[in-house]
Amino acid sequence: QVQLVESGGGLVQAGGSLRLSCAASGSIRNINAMGWYRQAPGKQRELAALITSEGNTNYADSVKGRFTISKDNAKNTVYLQMNSLKPEDTAVYYCSAVGLSGVILRWGQGTQVTVSS
């Protein structure tokens, strides 16, 4: 099994920056990609950013140019650098490990990001 431990998040003013981290352990050989999803109150969980094992990235239109996903293979850790944050970025952010078939192998515990106006 895969285990994921998230860190980062918190409260920031609009225009500020935050960095989220997600450390993977366990059966990491089964992981094909890592993603950051977010869920705002009353809304569905949505993909914010994804990075494959080859380093290819994909972003939601709403975060393009502001968020950057990256990974440190030596540390089995994925990062989400969030700049120019907006109040609408307020959500619980979940790290995810994605298998070869696209199935979510594991969700992180979630971390709250709150952007004040």
PDB file of N, CA and C in Angstrom:
ATOM      1  N   GLN A   1       0.834  -1.208   0.000  1.00  0.00           N
ATOM      2  CA  GLN A   1       0.000   0.000   0.000  1.00  0.00           C
ATOM      3  C   GLN A   1       0.864   1.251   0.000  1.00  0.00           C
ATOM      4  N   VAL A   2       0.256   2.323  -0.450  1.00  0.00           N
ATOM      5  CA  VAL A   2       0.925   3.619  -0.481  1.00  0.00           C
ATOM      6  C   VAL A   2       0.440   4.453   0.689  1.00  0.00           C
ATOM      7  N   GLN A   3       1.355   5.136   1.327  1.00  0.00           N
ATOM      8  CA  GLN A   3       0.986   6.095   2.364  1.00  0.00           C
ATOM      9  C   GLN A   3       1.421   7.486   1.914  1.00  0.00           C
ATOM     10  N   LEU A   4       0.602   8.460   2.219  1.00  0.00           N
ATOM     11  CA  LEU A   4       0.882   9.846   1.846  1.00  0.00           C
ATOM     12  C   LEU A   4       0.763  10.729   3.076  1.00  0.00           C
ATOM     13  N   VAL A   5       1.735  11.598   3.261  1.00  0.00           N
ATOM     14  CA  VAL A   5       1.705  12.533   4.379  1.00  0.00           C
ATOM     15  C   VAL A   5       1.877  13.942   3.819  1.00  0.00           C
ATOM     16  N   GLU A   6       0.878  14.759   4.044  1.00  0.00           N
ATOM     17  CA  GLU A   6       0.893  16.134   3.538  1.00  0.00           C
ATOM     18  C   GLU A   6       1.386  17.090   4.615  1.00  0.00           C
ATOM     19  N   SER A   7       1.942  18.192   4.156  1.00  0.00           N
ATOM     20  CA  SER A   7       2.296  19.289   5.056  1.00  0.00           C
ATOM     21  C   SER A   7       2.189  20.590   4.279  1.00  0.00           C
ATOM     22  N   GLY A   8       2.144  21.668   5.017  1.00  0.00           N
ATOM     23  CA  GLY A   8       1.969  22.977   4.422  1.00  0.00           C
ATOM     24  C   GLY A   8       0.540  23.437   4.593  1.00  0.00           C
ATOM     25  N   GLY A   9       0.148  24.411   3.829  1.00  0.00           N
ATOM     26  CA  GLY A   9      -1.184  24.969   3.967  1.00  0.00           C
ATOM     27  C   GLY A   9      -1.214  26.023   5.047  1.00  0.00           C
ATOM     28  N   GLY A  10      -2.398  26.601   5.248  1.00  0.00           N
ATOM     29  CA  GLY A  10      -2.553  27.631   6.252  1.00  0.00           C
ATOM     30  C   GLY A  10      -3.341  28.805   5.734  1.00  0.00           C
ATOM     31  N   LEU A  11      -3.168  29.922   6.407  1.00  0.00           N
ATOM     32  CA  LEU A  11      -3.897  31.151   6.078  1.00  0.00           C
ATOM     33  C   LEU A  11      -2.936  32.155   5.457  1.00  0.00           C
ATOM     34  N   VAL A  12      -3.350  32.734   4.348  1.00  0.00           N
ATOM     35  CA  VAL A  12      -2.524  33.715   3.653  1.00  0.00           C
ATOM     36  C   VAL A  12      -3.420  34.783   3.047  1.00  0.00           C
ATOM     37  N   GLN A  13      -2.882  35.961   2.889  1.00  0.00           N
ATOM     38  CA  GLN A  13      -3.635  37.033   2.248  1.00  0.00           C
ATOM     39  C   GLN A  13      -3.607  36.863   0.729  1.00  0.00           C
ATOM     40  N   ALA A  14      -4.587  37.414   0.082  1.00  0.00           N
ATOM     41  CA  ALA A  14      -4.640  37.377  -1.376  1.00  0.00           C
ATOM     42  C   ALA A  14      -3.357  37.969  -1.945  1.00  0.00           C
ATOM     43  N   GLY A  15      -2.837  37.294  -2.968  1.00  0.00           N
ATOM     44  CA  GLY A  15      -1.570  37.698  -3.564  1.00  0.00           C
ATOM     45  C   GLY A  15      -0.365  37.008  -2.971  1.00  0.00           C
ATOM     46  N   GLY A  16      -0.576  36.322  -1.871  1.00  0.00           N
ATOM     47  CA  GLY A  16       0.523  35.641  -1.196  1.00  0.00           C
ATOM     48  C   GLY A  16       0.819  34.281  -1.791  1.00  0.00           C
ATOM     49  N   SER A  17       1.739  33.575  -1.142  1.00  0.00           N
ATOM     50  CA  SER A  17       2.196  32.272  -1.623  1.00  0.00           C
ATOM     51  C   SER A  17       2.194  31.244  -0.506  1.00  0.00           C
ATOM     52  N   LEU A  18       2.027  29.995  -0.892  1.00  0.00           N
ATOM     53  CA  LEU A  18       2.138  28.869   0.020  1.00  0.00           C
ATOM     54  C   LEU A  18       2.739  27.703  -0.753  1.00  0.00           C
ATOM     55  N   ARG A  19       3.372  26.798  -0.015  1.00  0.00           N
ATOM     56  CA  ARG A  19       3.874  25.575  -0.635  1.00  0.00           C
ATOM     57  C   ARG A  19       3.368  24.366   0.148  1.00  0.00           C
ATOM     58  N   LEU A  20       2.798  23.446  -0.593  1.00  0.00           N
ATOM     59  CA  LEU A  20       2.343  22.188  -0.020  1.00  0.00           C
ATOM     60  C   LEU A  20       3.345  21.085  -0.360  1.00  0.00           C
ATOM     61  N   SER A  21       3.492  20.152   0.560  1.00  0.00           N
ATOM     62  CA  SER A  21       4.368  19.001   0.337  1.00  0.00           C
ATOM     63  C   SER A  21       3.597  17.722   0.584  1.00  0.00           C
ATOM     64  N   CYS A  22       3.972  16.676  -0.134  1.00  0.00           N
ATOM     65  CA  CYS A  22       3.341  15.373   0.028  1.00  0.00           C
ATOM     66  C   CYS A  22       4.412  14.306  -0.098  1.00  0.00           C
ATOM     67  N   ALA A  23       4.678  13.613   0.998  1.00  0.00           N
ATOM     68  CA  ALA A  23       5.693  12.564   1.007  1.00  0.00           C
ATOM     69  C   ALA A  23       5.021  11.203   0.877  1.00  0.00           C
ATOM     70  N   ALA A  24       5.501  10.417  -0.080  1.00  0.00           N
ATOM     71  CA  ALA A  24       4.947   9.087  -0.322  1.00  0.00           C
ATOM     72  C   ALA A  24       5.880   8.022   0.245  1.00  0.00           C
ATOM     73  N   SER A  25       5.279   6.943   0.721  1.00  0.00           N
ATOM     74  CA  SER A  25       6.051   5.803   1.207  1.00  0.00           C
ATOM     75  C   SER A  25       5.254   4.538   0.956  1.00  0.00           C
ATOM     76  N   GLY A  26       5.895   3.409   1.176  1.00  0.00           N
ATOM     77  CA  GLY A  26       5.215   2.140   0.937  1.00  0.00           C
ATOM     78  C   GLY A  26       5.446   1.654  -0.489  1.00  0.00           C
ATOM     79  N   SER A  27       4.400   1.203  -1.136  1.00  0.00           N
ATOM     80  CA  SER A  27       4.496   0.616  -2.482  1.00  0.00           C
ATOM     81  C   SER A  27       4.530   1.696  -3.556  1.00  0.00           C
ATOM     82  N   ILE A  28       5.554   2.509  -3.514  1.00  0.00           N
ATOM     83  CA  ILE A  28       5.619   3.655  -4.430  1.00  0.00           C
ATOM     84  C   ILE A  28       5.893   3.221  -5.860  1.00  0.00           C
ATOM     85  N   ARG A  29       6.353   1.992  -6.058  1.00  0.00           N
ATOM     86  CA  ARG A  29       6.585   1.521  -7.430  1.00  0.00           C
ATOM     87  C   ARG A  29       5.278   1.427  -8.219  1.00  0.00           C
ATOM     88  N   ASN A  30       4.162   1.379  -7.538  1.00  0.00           N
ATOM     89  CA  ASN A  30       2.858   1.309  -8.202  1.00  0.00           C
ATOM     90  C   ASN A  30       2.328   2.676  -8.628  1.00  0.00           C
ATOM     91  N   ILE A  31       3.047   3.722  -8.244  1.00  0.00           N
ATOM     92  CA  ILE A  31       2.567   5.078  -8.531  1.00  0.00           C
ATOM     93  C   ILE A  31       3.009   5.502  -9.933  1.00  0.00           C
ATOM     94  N   ASN A  32       2.041   5.933 -10.735  1.00  0.00           N
ATOM     95  CA  ASN A  32       2.339   6.426 -12.086  1.00  0.00           C
ATOM     96  C   ASN A  32       2.333   7.945 -12.138  1.00  0.00           C
ATOM     97  N   ALA A  33       1.596   8.559 -11.251  1.00  0.00           N
ATOM     98  CA  ALA A  33       1.509  10.011 -11.208  1.00  0.00           C
ATOM     99  C   ALA A  33       1.084  10.438  -9.809  1.00  0.00           C
ATOM    100  N   MET A  34       1.353  11.699  -9.520  1.00  0.00           N
ATOM    101  CA  MET A  34       0.911  12.289  -8.260  1.00  0.00           C
ATOM    102  C   MET A  34       0.125  13.546  -8.596  1.00  0.00           C
ATOM    103  N   GLY A  35      -0.941  13.746  -7.863  1.00  0.00           N
ATOM    104  CA  GLY A  35      -1.763  14.905  -8.143  1.00  0.00           C
ATOM    105  C   GLY A  35      -2.164  15.653  -6.886  1.00  0.00           C
ATOM    106  N   TRP A  36      -2.495  16.906  -7.076  1.00  0.00           N
ATOM    107  CA  TRP A  36      -3.095  17.721  -6.020  1.00  0.00           C
ATOM    108  C   TRP A  36      -4.517  18.066  -6.454  1.00  0.00           C
ATOM    109  N   TYR A  37      -5.468  17.646  -5.652  1.00  0.00           N
ATOM    110  CA  TYR A  37      -6.867  17.978  -5.846  1.00  0.00           C
ATOM    111  C   TYR A  37      -7.264  18.982  -4.765  1.00  0.00           C
ATOM    112  N   ARG A  38      -8.369  19.656  -5.012  1.00  0.00           N
ATOM    113  CA  ARG A  38      -8.878  20.569  -3.991  1.00  0.00           C
ATOM    114  C   ARG A  38     -10.391  20.525  -3.966  1.00  0.00           C
ATOM    115  N   GLN A  39     -10.919  20.788  -2.786  1.00  0.00           N
ATOM    116  CA  GLN A  39     -12.371  20.773  -2.607  1.00  0.00           C
ATOM    117  C   GLN A  39     -12.778  21.953  -1.751  1.00  0.00           C
ATOM    118  N   ALA A  40     -13.518  22.855  -2.369  1.00  0.00           N
ATOM    119  CA  ALA A  40     -14.046  24.012  -1.663  1.00  0.00           C
ATOM    120  C   ALA A  40     -15.394  23.642  -1.038  1.00  0.00           C
ATOM    121  N   PRO A  41     -15.817  24.367  -0.016  1.00  0.00           N
ATOM    122  CA  PRO A  41     -17.104  24.058   0.628  1.00  0.00           C
ATOM    123  C   PRO A  41     -18.256  24.065  -0.370  1.00  0.00           C
ATOM    124  N   GLY A  42     -19.020  23.009  -0.371  1.00  0.00           N
ATOM    125  CA  GLY A  42     -20.174  22.914  -1.246  1.00  0.00           C
ATOM    126  C   GLY A  42     -19.866  22.591  -2.689  1.00  0.00           C
ATOM    127  N   LYS A  43     -18.609  22.317  -2.989  1.00  0.00           N
ATOM    128  CA  LYS A  43     -18.218  22.019  -4.364  1.00  0.00           C
ATOM    129  C   LYS A  43     -17.583  20.639  -4.451  1.00  0.00           C
ATOM    130  N   GLN A  44     -17.526  20.146  -5.683  1.00  0.00           N
ATOM    131  CA  GLN A  44     -16.901  18.850  -5.903  1.00  0.00           C
ATOM    132  C   GLN A  44     -15.386  18.970  -5.867  1.00  0.00           C
ATOM    133  N   ARG A  45     -14.753  17.860  -5.535  1.00  0.00           N
ATOM    134  CA  ARG A  45     -13.302  17.824  -5.561  1.00  0.00           C
ATOM    135  C   ARG A  45     -12.837  17.924  -7.013  1.00  0.00           C
ATOM    136  N   GLU A  46     -11.823  18.752  -7.240  1.00  0.00           N
ATOM    137  CA  GLU A  46     -11.333  18.961  -8.592  1.00  0.00           C
ATOM    138  C   GLU A  46      -9.812  18.859  -8.630  1.00  0.00           C
ATOM    139  N   LEU A  47      -9.310  18.457  -9.786  1.00  0.00           N
ATOM    140  CA  LEU A  47      -7.873  18.366  -9.956  1.00  0.00           C
ATOM    141  C   LEU A  47      -7.283  19.756 -10.149  1.00  0.00           C
ATOM    142  N   ALA A  48      -6.250  20.057  -9.383  1.00  0.00           N
ATOM    143  CA  ALA A  48      -5.543  21.323  -9.544  1.00  0.00           C
ATOM    144  C   ALA A  48      -4.282  21.138 -10.390  1.00  0.00           C
ATOM    145  N   ALA A  49      -3.526  20.089 -10.098  1.00  0.00           N
ATOM    146  CA  ALA A  49      -2.270  19.867 -10.815  1.00  0.00           C
ATOM    147  C   ALA A  49      -1.878  18.403 -10.704  1.00  0.00           C
ATOM    148  N   LEU A  50      -1.165  17.931 -11.735  1.00  0.00           N
ATOM    149  CA  LEU A  50      -0.748  16.535 -11.791  1.00  0.00           C
ATOM    150  C   LEU A  50       0.650  16.469 -12.362  1.00  0.00           C
ATOM    151  N   ILE A  51       1.453  15.531 -11.864  1.00  0.00           N
ATOM    152  CA  ILE A  51       2.771  15.299 -12.428  1.00  0.00           C
ATOM    153  C   ILE A  51       2.966  13.798 -12.566  1.00  0.00           C
ATOM    154  N   THR A  52       3.418  13.376 -13.746  1.00  0.00           N
ATOM    155  CA  THR A  52       3.614  11.951 -13.992  1.00  0.00           C
ATOM    156  C   THR A  52       5.010  11.526 -13.546  1.00  0.00           C
ATOM    157  N   SER A  53       5.235  10.231 -13.560  1.00  0.00           N
ATOM    158  CA  SER A  53       6.542   9.710 -13.184  1.00  0.00           C
ATOM    159  C   SER A  53       7.631  10.185 -14.145  1.00  0.00           C
ATOM    160  N   GLU A  54       7.224  10.530 -15.389  1.00  0.00           N
ATOM    161  CA  GLU A  54       8.177  11.053 -16.375  1.00  0.00           C
ATOM    162  C   GLU A  54       8.400  12.549 -16.222  1.00  0.00           C
ATOM    163  N   GLY A  55       7.629  13.167 -15.342  1.00  0.00           N
ATOM    164  CA  GLY A  55       7.796  14.602 -15.116  1.00  0.00           C
ATOM    165  C   GLY A  55       6.866  15.483 -15.930  1.00  0.00           C
ATOM    166  N   ASN A  56       5.942  14.875 -16.676  1.00  0.00           N
ATOM    167  CA  ASN A  56       4.967  15.674 -17.414  1.00  0.00           C
ATOM    168  C   ASN A  56       3.939  16.241 -16.437  1.00  0.00           C
ATOM    169  N   THR A  57       3.528  17.474 -16.707  1.00  0.00           N
ATOM    170  CA  THR A  57       2.602  18.148 -15.794  1.00  0.00           C
ATOM    171  C   THR A  57       1.314  18.553 -16.492  1.00  0.00           C
ATOM    172  N   ASN A  58       0.279  18.702 -15.701  1.00  0.00           N
ATOM    173  CA  ASN A  58      -1.024  19.126 -16.202  1.00  0.00           C
ATOM    174  C   ASN A  58      -1.668  19.993 -15.128  1.00  0.00           C
ATOM    175  N   TYR A  59      -2.285  21.099 -15.552  1.00  0.00           N
ATOM    176  CA  TYR A  59      -2.870  22.035 -14.610  1.00  0.00           C
ATOM    177  C   TYR A  59      -4.304  22.366 -14.987  1.00  0.00           C
ATOM    178  N   ALA A  60      -5.107  22.626 -13.975  1.00  0.00           N
ATOM    179  CA  ALA A  60      -6.425  23.185 -14.225  1.00  0.00           C
ATOM    180  C   ALA A  60      -6.251  24.598 -14.769  1.00  0.00           C
ATOM    181  N   ASP A  61      -7.162  24.996 -15.640  1.00  0.00           N
ATOM    182  CA  ASP A  61      -7.063  26.337 -16.227  1.00  0.00           C
ATOM    183  C   ASP A  61      -7.037  27.415 -15.150  1.00  0.00           C
ATOM    184  N   SER A  62      -7.739  27.184 -14.068  1.00  0.00           N
ATOM    185  CA  SER A  62      -7.874  28.196 -13.023  1.00  0.00           C
ATOM    186  C   SER A  62      -6.568  28.451 -12.263  1.00  0.00           C
ATOM    187  N   VAL A  63      -5.597  27.543 -12.373  1.00  0.00           N
ATOM    188  CA  VAL A  63      -4.350  27.712 -11.630  1.00  0.00           C
ATOM    189  C   VAL A  63      -3.140  27.875 -12.533  1.00  0.00           C
ATOM    190  N   LYS A  64      -3.328  27.721 -13.823  1.00  0.00           N
ATOM    191  CA  LYS A  64      -2.199  27.842 -14.757  1.00  0.00           C
ATOM    192  C   LYS A  64      -1.517  29.196 -14.604  1.00  0.00           C
ATOM    193  N   GLY A  65      -0.189  29.154 -14.590  1.00  0.00           N
ATOM    194  CA  GLY A  65       0.578  30.381 -14.454  1.00  0.00           C
ATOM    195  C   GLY A  65       0.768  30.843 -13.023  1.00  0.00           C
ATOM    196  N   ARG A  66       0.047  30.221 -12.083  1.00  0.00           N
ATOM    197  CA  ARG A  66       0.161  30.602 -10.675  1.00  0.00           C
ATOM    198  C   ARG A  66       0.684  29.451  -9.806  1.00  0.00           C
ATOM    199  N   PHE A  67       0.292  28.246 -10.149  1.00  0.00           N
ATOM    200  CA  PHE A  67       0.707  27.074  -9.375  1.00  0.00           C
ATOM    201  C   PHE A  67       1.762  26.294 -10.152  1.00  0.00           C
ATOM    202  N   THR A  68       2.687  25.691  -9.421  1.00  0.00           N
ATOM    203  CA  THR A  68       3.699  24.838 -10.031  1.00  0.00           C
ATOM    204  C   THR A  68       3.817  23.546  -9.232  1.00  0.00           C
ATOM    205  N   ILE A  69       3.646  22.426  -9.921  1.00  0.00           N
ATOM    206  CA  ILE A  69       3.832  21.127  -9.277  1.00  0.00           C
ATOM    207  C   ILE A  69       5.216  20.613  -9.643  1.00  0.00           C
ATOM    208  N   SER A  70       5.878  20.032  -8.667  1.00  0.00           N
ATOM    209  CA  SER A  70       7.219  19.491  -8.902  1.00  0.00           C
ATOM    210  C   SER A  70       7.426  18.284  -7.995  1.00  0.00           C
ATOM    211  N   LYS A  71       8.519  17.562  -8.234  1.00  0.00           N
ATOM    212  CA  LYS A  71       8.769  16.392  -7.397  1.00  0.00           C
ATOM    213  C   LYS A  71      10.250  16.203  -7.170  1.00  0.00           C
ATOM    214  N   ASP A  72      10.550  15.605  -6.041  1.00  0.00           N
ATOM    215  CA  ASP A  72      11.922  15.243  -5.685  1.00  0.00           C
ATOM    216  C   ASP A  72      11.939  13.727  -5.558  1.00  0.00           C
ATOM    217  N   ASN A  73      12.454  13.063  -6.570  1.00  0.00           N
ATOM    218  CA  ASN A  73      12.418  11.604  -6.579  1.00  0.00           C
ATOM    219  C   ASN A  73      13.227  10.996  -5.426  1.00  0.00           C
ATOM    220  N   ALA A  74      14.296  11.655  -5.059  1.00  0.00           N
ATOM    221  CA  ALA A  74      15.139  11.130  -3.980  1.00  0.00           C
ATOM    222  C   ALA A  74      14.385  11.110  -2.650  1.00  0.00           C
ATOM    223  N   LYS A  75      13.468  12.055  -2.493  1.00  0.00           N
ATOM    224  CA  LYS A  75      12.703  12.154  -1.255  1.00  0.00           C
ATOM    225  C   LYS A  75      11.292  11.595  -1.392  1.00  0.00           C
ATOM    226  N   ASN A  76      10.947  11.123  -2.600  1.00  0.00           N
ATOM    227  CA  ASN A  76       9.585  10.630  -2.866  1.00  0.00           C
ATOM    228  C   ASN A  76       8.543  11.653  -2.431  1.00  0.00           C
ATOM    229  N   THR A  77       8.821  12.885  -2.770  1.00  0.00           N
ATOM    230  CA  THR A  77       7.974  13.990  -2.325  1.00  0.00           C
ATOM    231  C   THR A  77       7.546  14.843  -3.510  1.00  0.00           C
ATOM    232  N   VAL A  78       6.295  15.240  -3.488  1.00  0.00           N
ATOM    233  CA  VAL A  78       5.725  16.126  -4.494  1.00  0.00           C
ATOM    234  C   VAL A  78       5.371  17.442  -3.820  1.00  0.00           C
ATOM    235  N   TYR A  79       5.584  18.520  -4.545  1.00  0.00           N
ATOM    236  CA  TYR A  79       5.325  19.849  -4.021  1.00  0.00           C
ATOM    237  C   TYR A  79       4.309  20.573  -4.900  1.00  0.00           C
ATOM    238  N   LEU A  80       3.580  21.469  -4.276  1.00  0.00           N
ATOM    239  CA  LEU A  80       2.715  22.372  -5.019  1.00  0.00           C
ATOM    240  C   LEU A  80       3.019  23.787  -4.540  1.00  0.00           C
ATOM    241  N   GLN A  81       3.713  24.530  -5.391  1.00  0.00           N
ATOM    242  CA  GLN A  81       4.000  25.930  -5.099  1.00  0.00           C
ATOM    243  C   GLN A  81       2.844  26.769  -5.614  1.00  0.00           C
ATOM    244  N   MET A  82       2.225  27.506  -4.731  1.00  0.00           N
ATOM    245  CA  MET A  82       1.049  28.296  -5.082  1.00  0.00           C
ATOM    246  C   MET A  82       1.373  29.775  -4.894  1.00  0.00           C
ATOM    247  N   ASN A  83       1.379  30.507  -5.994  1.00  0.00           N
ATOM    248  CA  ASN A  83       1.663  31.937  -5.966  1.00  0.00           C
ATOM    249  C   ASN A  83       0.426  32.726  -6.395  1.00  0.00           C
ATOM    250  N   SER A  84       0.461  34.008  -6.123  1.00  0.00           N
ATOM    251  CA  SER A  84      -0.645  34.901  -6.500  1.00  0.00           C
ATOM    252  C   SER A  84      -1.988  34.312  -6.086  1.00  0.00           C
ATOM    253  N   LEU A  85      -2.056  33.871  -4.862  1.00  0.00           N
ATOM    254  CA  LEU A  85      -3.262  33.191  -4.385  1.00  0.00           C
ATOM    255  C   LEU A  85      -4.456  34.132  -4.359  1.00  0.00           C
ATOM    256  N   LYS A  86      -5.618  33.555  -4.644  1.00  0.00           N
ATOM    257  CA  LYS A  86      -6.874  34.290  -4.688  1.00  0.00           C
ATOM    258  C   LYS A  86      -7.828  33.692  -3.657  1.00  0.00           C
ATOM    259  N   PRO A  87      -8.799  34.465  -3.198  1.00  0.00           N
ATOM    260  CA  PRO A  87      -9.784  33.904  -2.252  1.00  0.00           C
ATOM    261  C   PRO A  87     -10.471  32.657  -2.788  1.00  0.00           C
ATOM    262  N   GLU A  88     -10.649  32.584  -4.094  1.00  0.00           N
ATOM    263  CA  GLU A  88     -11.308  31.409  -4.676  1.00  0.00           C
ATOM    264  C   GLU A  88     -10.426  30.165  -4.666  1.00  0.00           C
ATOM    265  N   ASP A  89      -9.177  30.313  -4.270  1.00  0.00           N
ATOM    266  CA  ASP A  89      -8.310  29.144  -4.096  1.00  0.00           C
ATOM    267  C   ASP A  89      -8.526  28.481  -2.743  1.00  0.00           C
ATOM    268  N   THR A  90      -9.311  29.108  -1.893  1.00  0.00           N
ATOM    269  CA  THR A  90      -9.597  28.548  -0.578  1.00  0.00           C
ATOM    270  C   THR A  90     -10.277  27.192  -0.721  1.00  0.00           C
ATOM    271  N   ALA A  91      -9.680  26.183  -0.097  1.00  0.00           N
ATOM    272  CA  ALA A  91     -10.183  24.816  -0.210  1.00  0.00           C
ATOM    273  C   ALA A  91      -9.334  23.907   0.672  1.00  0.00           C
ATOM    274  N   VAL A  92      -9.819  22.674   0.822  1.00  0.00           N
ATOM    275  CA  VAL A  92      -8.973  21.625   1.376  1.00  0.00           C
ATOM    276  C   VAL A  92      -8.228  20.997   0.204  1.00  0.00           C
ATOM    277  N   TYR A  93      -6.934  20.917   0.317  1.00  0.00           N
ATOM    278  CA  TYR A  93      -6.106  20.371  -0.744  1.00  0.00           C
ATOM    279  C   TYR A  93      -5.680  18.953  -0.368  1.00  0.00           C
ATOM    280  N   TYR A  94      -5.896  18.051  -1.331  1.00  0.00           N
ATOM    281  CA  TYR A  94      -5.595  16.639  -1.103  1.00  0.00           C
ATOM    282  C   TYR A  94      -4.523  16.171  -2.081  1.00  0.00           C
ATOM    283  N   CYS A  95      -3.505  15.541  -1.562  1.00  0.00           N
ATOM    284  CA  CYS A  95      -2.517  14.885  -2.391  1.00  0.00           C
ATOM    285  C   CYS A  95      -3.077  13.521  -2.794  1.00  0.00           C
ATOM    286  N   SER A  96      -2.706  13.058  -3.986  1.00  0.00           N
ATOM    287  CA  SER A  96      -3.177  11.754  -4.430  1.00  0.00           C
ATOM    288  C   SER A  96      -2.069  11.007  -5.146  1.00  0.00           C
ATOM    289  N   ALA A  97      -2.090   9.695  -4.989  1.00  0.00           N
ATOM    290  CA  ALA A  97      -1.198   8.815  -5.739  1.00  0.00           C
ATOM    291  C   ALA A  97      -2.042   8.091  -6.773  1.00  0.00           C
ATOM    292  N   VAL A  98      -1.620   8.155  -8.026  1.00  0.00           N
ATOM    293  CA  VAL A  98      -2.391   7.607  -9.133  1.00  0.00           C
ATOM    294  C   VAL A  98      -1.667   6.405  -9.719  1.00  0.00           C
ATOM    295  N   GLY A  99      -2.393   5.323  -9.941  1.00  0.00           N
ATOM    296  CA  GLY A  99      -1.822   4.118 -10.507  1.00  0.00           C
ATOM    297  C   GLY A  99      -1.803   4.147 -12.024  1.00  0.00           C
ATOM    298  N   LEU A 100      -1.279   3.068 -12.625  1.00  0.00           N
ATOM    299  CA  LEU A 100      -1.141   3.001 -14.079  1.00  0.00           C
ATOM    300  C   LEU A 100      -2.470   3.117 -14.796  1.00  0.00           C
ATOM    301  N   SER A 101      -3.498   2.595 -14.220  1.00  0.00           N
ATOM    302  CA  SER A 101      -4.813   2.622 -14.862  1.00  0.00           C
ATOM    303  C   SER A 101      -5.547   3.930 -14.625  1.00  0.00           C
ATOM    304  N   GLY A 102      -4.917   4.849 -13.915  1.00  0.00           N
ATOM    305  CA  GLY A 102      -5.569   6.116 -13.610  1.00  0.00           C
ATOM    306  C   GLY A 102      -6.369   6.098 -12.329  1.00  0.00           C
ATOM    307  N   VAL A 103      -6.402   4.970 -11.685  1.00  0.00           N
ATOM    308  CA  VAL A 103      -7.161   4.874 -10.436  1.00  0.00           C
ATOM    309  C   VAL A 103      -6.375   5.549  -9.304  1.00  0.00           C
ATOM    310  N   ILE A 104      -7.096   6.169  -8.395  1.00  0.00           N
ATOM    311  CA  ILE A 104      -6.469   6.781  -7.228  1.00  0.00           C
ATOM    312  C   ILE A 104      -6.118   5.666  -6.236  1.00  0.00           C
ATOM    313  N   LEU A 105      -4.810   5.540  -5.976  1.00  0.00           N
ATOM    314  CA  LEU A 105      -4.361   4.501  -5.066  1.00  0.00           C
ATOM    315  C   LEU A 105      -4.539   4.917  -3.605  1.00  0.00           C
ATOM    316  N   ARG A 106      -4.355   6.221  -3.365  1.00  0.00           N
ATOM    317  CA  ARG A 106      -4.401   6.716  -1.986  1.00  0.00           C
ATOM    318  C   ARG A 106      -4.611   8.224  -2.017  1.00  0.00           C
ATOM    319  N   TRP A 107      -5.391   8.675  -1.055  1.00  0.00           N
ATOM    320  CA  TRP A 107      -5.550  10.104  -0.821  1.00  0.00           C
ATOM    321  C   TRP A 107      -4.740  10.505   0.410  1.00  0.00           C
ATOM    322  N   GLY A 108      -4.204  11.710   0.383  1.00  0.00           N
ATOM    323  CA  GLY A 108      -3.626  12.261   1.581  1.00  0.00           C
ATOM    324  C   GLY A 108      -4.724  12.688   2.537  1.00  0.00           C
ATOM    325  N   GLN A 109      -4.324  13.135   3.714  1.00  0.00           N
ATOM    326  CA  GLN A 109      -5.305  13.469   4.752  1.00  0.00           C
ATOM    327  C   GLN A 109      -5.981  14.807   4.506  1.00  0.00           C
ATOM    328  N   GLY A 110      -5.431  15.592   3.588  1.00  0.00           N
ATOM    329  CA  GLY A 110      -6.000  16.905   3.290  1.00  0.00           C
ATOM    330  C   GLY A 110      -5.392  17.989   4.159  1.00  0.00           C
ATOM    331  N   THR A 111      -5.211  19.146   3.575  1.00  0.00           N
ATOM    332  CA  THR A 111      -4.681  20.300   4.309  1.00  0.00           C
ATOM    333  C   THR A 111      -5.452  21.540   3.875  1.00  0.00           C
ATOM    334  N   GLN A 112      -5.830  22.343   4.844  1.00  0.00           N
ATOM    335  CA  GLN A 112      -6.654  23.520   4.574  1.00  0.00           C
ATOM    336  C   GLN A 112      -5.789  24.680   4.076  1.00  0.00           C
ATOM    337  N   VAL A 113      -6.242  25.271   2.992  1.00  0.00           N
ATOM    338  CA  VAL A 113      -5.645  26.512   2.480  1.00  0.00           C
ATOM    339  C   VAL A 113      -6.740  27.567   2.491  1.00  0.00           C
ATOM    340  N   THR A 114      -6.493  28.653   3.185  1.00  0.00           N
ATOM    341  CA  THR A 114      -7.461  29.737   3.272  1.00  0.00           C
ATOM    342  C   THR A 114      -6.803  31.025   2.810  1.00  0.00           C
ATOM    343  N   VAL A 115      -7.423  31.655   1.823  1.00  0.00           N
ATOM    344  CA  VAL A 115      -6.899  32.905   1.273  1.00  0.00           C
ATOM    345  C   VAL A 115      -7.881  34.019   1.616  1.00  0.00           C
ATOM    346  N   SER A 116      -7.413  34.981   2.378  1.00  0.00           N
ATOM    347  CA  SER A 116      -8.276  36.091   2.781  1.00  0.00           C
ATOM    348  C   SER A 116      -8.151  37.245   1.797  1.00  0.00           C
ATOM    349  N   SER A 117      -9.247  37.971   1.635  1.00  0.00           N
ATOM    350  CA  SER A 117      -9.251  39.091   0.687  1.00  0.00           C
ATOM    351  C   SER A 117      -8.816  40.377   1.350  1.00  0.00           C
TER     352      SER A 117
END
